[in-house]
N, C-alpha and C. Protein backbone atom coordinates (compact mmCIF):
# COMPACT_ATOMS: atom_id res chain seq x y z
N GLN A 1 115.50 132.23 -11.54
CA GLN A 1 114.91 131.59 -11.81
C GLN A 1 113.94 130.81 -12.50
N GLY A 2 112.98 129.99 -12.61
CA GLY A 2 112.44 129.03 -13.76
C GLY A 2 113.40 128.38 -13.17
N ILE A 3 113.94 127.74 -12.74
CA ILE A 3 114.38 126.62 -12.79
C ILE A 3 114.86 125.68 -11.41
N ASP A 4 114.58 124.53 -10.89
CA ASP A 4 114.45 123.60 -10.57
C ASP A 4 115.27 123.49 -10.07
N VAL A 5 115.93 123.86 -9.11
CA VAL A 5 116.28 123.37 -7.41
C VAL A 5 116.35 122.84 -6.65
N GLN A 6 116.60 121.42 -6.00
CA GLN A 6 116.62 121.54 -4.94
C GLN A 6 118.35 120.23 -4.42
N PRO A 7 118.30 121.58 -3.37
CA PRO A 7 120.10 121.68 -2.36
C PRO A 7 119.67 120.61 -1.31
N GLU A 8 121.21 119.85 -1.57
CA GLU A 8 121.06 119.14 -0.47
C GLU A 8 122.71 118.67 0.06
N ILE A 9 122.41 120.07 1.42
CA ILE A 9 123.52 120.23 2.40
C ILE A 9 123.74 118.91 3.07
N MET A 10 124.68 118.58 2.35
CA MET A 10 126.53 117.22 3.59
C MET A 10 127.06 117.83 4.38
N ILE A 11 126.25 117.59 6.22
CA ILE A 11 127.71 117.38 7.52
C ILE A 11 128.30 117.38 6.82
N PRO A 12 129.75 116.61 7.28
CA PRO A 12 130.62 116.65 6.88
C PRO A 12 131.28 115.48 8.33
N LEU A 13 132.07 113.97 8.13
CA LEU A 13 133.17 114.12 9.61
C LEU A 13 131.72 114.31 10.53
N VAL A 14 130.72 113.58 10.90
CA VAL A 14 130.01 112.77 12.12
C VAL A 14 130.09 111.57 12.68
N ALA A 15 130.48 112.43 14.36
CA ALA A 15 130.22 110.43 15.24
C ALA A 15 129.08 110.08 15.48
N TYR A 16 128.23 111.42 16.21
CA TYR A 16 126.98 110.95 16.89
C TYR A 16 126.16 112.23 16.71
N SER A 17 124.56 111.29 16.80
CA SER A 17 123.96 111.22 16.30
C SER A 17 123.44 113.46 17.06
N SER A 18 124.49 113.57 18.61
CA SER A 18 124.37 114.06 18.34
C SER A 18 124.74 115.47 17.84
N GLU A 19 125.57 115.15 17.38
CA GLU A 19 126.20 115.86 17.38
C GLU A 19 126.04 116.36 15.34
N TYR A 20 125.55 115.11 15.41
CA TYR A 20 124.42 116.22 14.30
C TYR A 20 123.43 116.55 14.15
N ALA A 21 123.24 116.16 14.91
CA ALA A 21 121.41 117.06 15.47
C ALA A 21 121.72 118.86 15.96
N GLN A 22 122.70 118.27 16.35
CA GLN A 22 123.38 119.98 16.54
C GLN A 22 123.80 120.68 15.38
N GLN A 23 124.62 119.99 14.94
CA GLN A 23 125.33 120.73 13.61
C GLN A 23 124.04 120.35 12.25
N GLU A 24 122.43 120.49 12.70
CA GLU A 24 121.20 120.20 11.40
C GLU A 24 120.93 121.16 11.82
N LYS A 25 120.85 121.47 14.06
CA LYS A 25 120.02 123.03 13.31
C LYS A 25 120.14 124.03 13.47
N ILE A 26 122.03 124.46 12.42
CA ILE A 26 122.53 125.24 12.47
C ILE A 26 121.89 125.94 11.49
N VAL A 27 122.26 124.36 10.82
CA VAL A 27 122.01 124.39 8.85
C VAL A 27 120.69 124.80 8.41
N ARG A 28 120.06 124.58 9.52
CA ARG A 28 118.32 124.94 9.29
C ARG A 28 118.15 126.16 9.80
N ASP A 29 118.91 126.68 11.14
CA ASP A 29 118.49 128.03 12.19
C ASP A 29 119.46 129.49 10.78
N THR A 30 120.02 129.15 9.83
CA THR A 30 120.26 129.57 8.76
C THR A 30 119.38 130.16 8.01
N ALA A 31 119.34 128.78 7.13
CA ALA A 31 118.29 128.84 5.97
C ALA A 31 117.28 130.03 6.05
N SER A 32 116.76 129.33 7.50
CA SER A 32 115.39 129.45 8.18
C SER A 32 115.12 131.47 8.86
N GLY A 33 116.59 131.38 8.57
CA GLY A 33 116.87 133.12 8.30
C GLY A 33 117.34 133.84 7.47
N VAL A 34 118.16 133.12 6.11
CA VAL A 34 118.41 133.84 5.54
C VAL A 34 116.99 134.36 4.51
N PHE A 35 115.68 132.93 4.73
CA PHE A 35 114.39 133.16 4.48
C PHE A 35 113.84 133.81 4.07
N ASP A 36 113.93 133.93 6.48
CA ASP A 36 112.71 135.20 6.21
C ASP A 36 113.06 136.73 6.01
N ARG A 37 114.50 137.27 5.82
CA ARG A 37 114.57 138.28 4.98
C ARG A 37 114.76 138.45 3.56
N THR A 38 115.01 137.30 2.66
CA THR A 38 114.49 137.79 1.54
C THR A 38 113.49 137.72 0.90
N GLY A 39 112.17 136.94 2.35
CA GLY A 39 110.69 136.42 1.53
C GLY A 39 110.74 135.50 0.23
N LEU A 40 111.87 134.63 0.78
CA LEU A 40 112.16 133.59 -0.22
C LEU A 40 112.17 132.21 0.67
N GLY A 41 112.39 131.53 -0.57
CA GLY A 41 111.87 129.71 0.16
C GLY A 41 112.56 128.78 -0.60
N ILE A 42 113.11 127.21 -0.20
CA ILE A 42 113.20 126.65 -1.04
C ILE A 42 113.21 125.28 -0.59
N SER A 43 112.19 124.23 -0.77
CA SER A 43 113.03 122.99 0.45
C SER A 43 114.08 122.53 -0.10
N TYR A 44 114.71 121.72 1.10
CA TYR A 44 115.89 121.06 0.66
C TYR A 44 116.36 120.23 2.26
N LYS A 45 117.13 119.00 1.71
CA LYS A 45 117.41 118.11 2.78
C LYS A 45 119.03 118.06 3.21
N VAL A 46 118.82 118.35 4.52
CA VAL A 46 119.98 117.98 5.38
C VAL A 46 120.66 116.60 5.25
N GLY A 47 121.77 116.27 5.48
CA GLY A 47 121.78 114.94 6.09
C GLY A 47 123.65 114.58 6.94
N THR A 48 123.95 113.33 6.07
CA THR A 48 125.91 113.54 6.71
C THR A 48 126.28 112.42 6.06
N MET A 49 127.29 112.87 5.44
CA MET A 49 128.40 112.20 4.43
C MET A 49 129.36 111.32 4.87
N ILE A 50 128.75 109.65 5.26
CA ILE A 50 129.50 108.38 5.52
C ILE A 50 130.78 108.23 4.37
N GLU A 51 131.89 108.24 4.43
CA GLU A 51 132.98 107.47 3.38
C GLU A 51 133.14 105.84 4.31
N LEU A 52 132.58 104.75 3.26
CA LEU A 52 133.15 103.12 4.40
C LEU A 52 134.14 102.69 2.85
């Protein structure tokens, strides 16, 4: 408590935008369920890892 956290959840090895959208929905639905159960919530980002 009292610590400013800014999580960034990165989804690896995504080849198609539809694949990313599906995985992002899973992450956000899971986080929403946790927030509902705990009565807590935080801001977070979801993105993809791209290695060049």
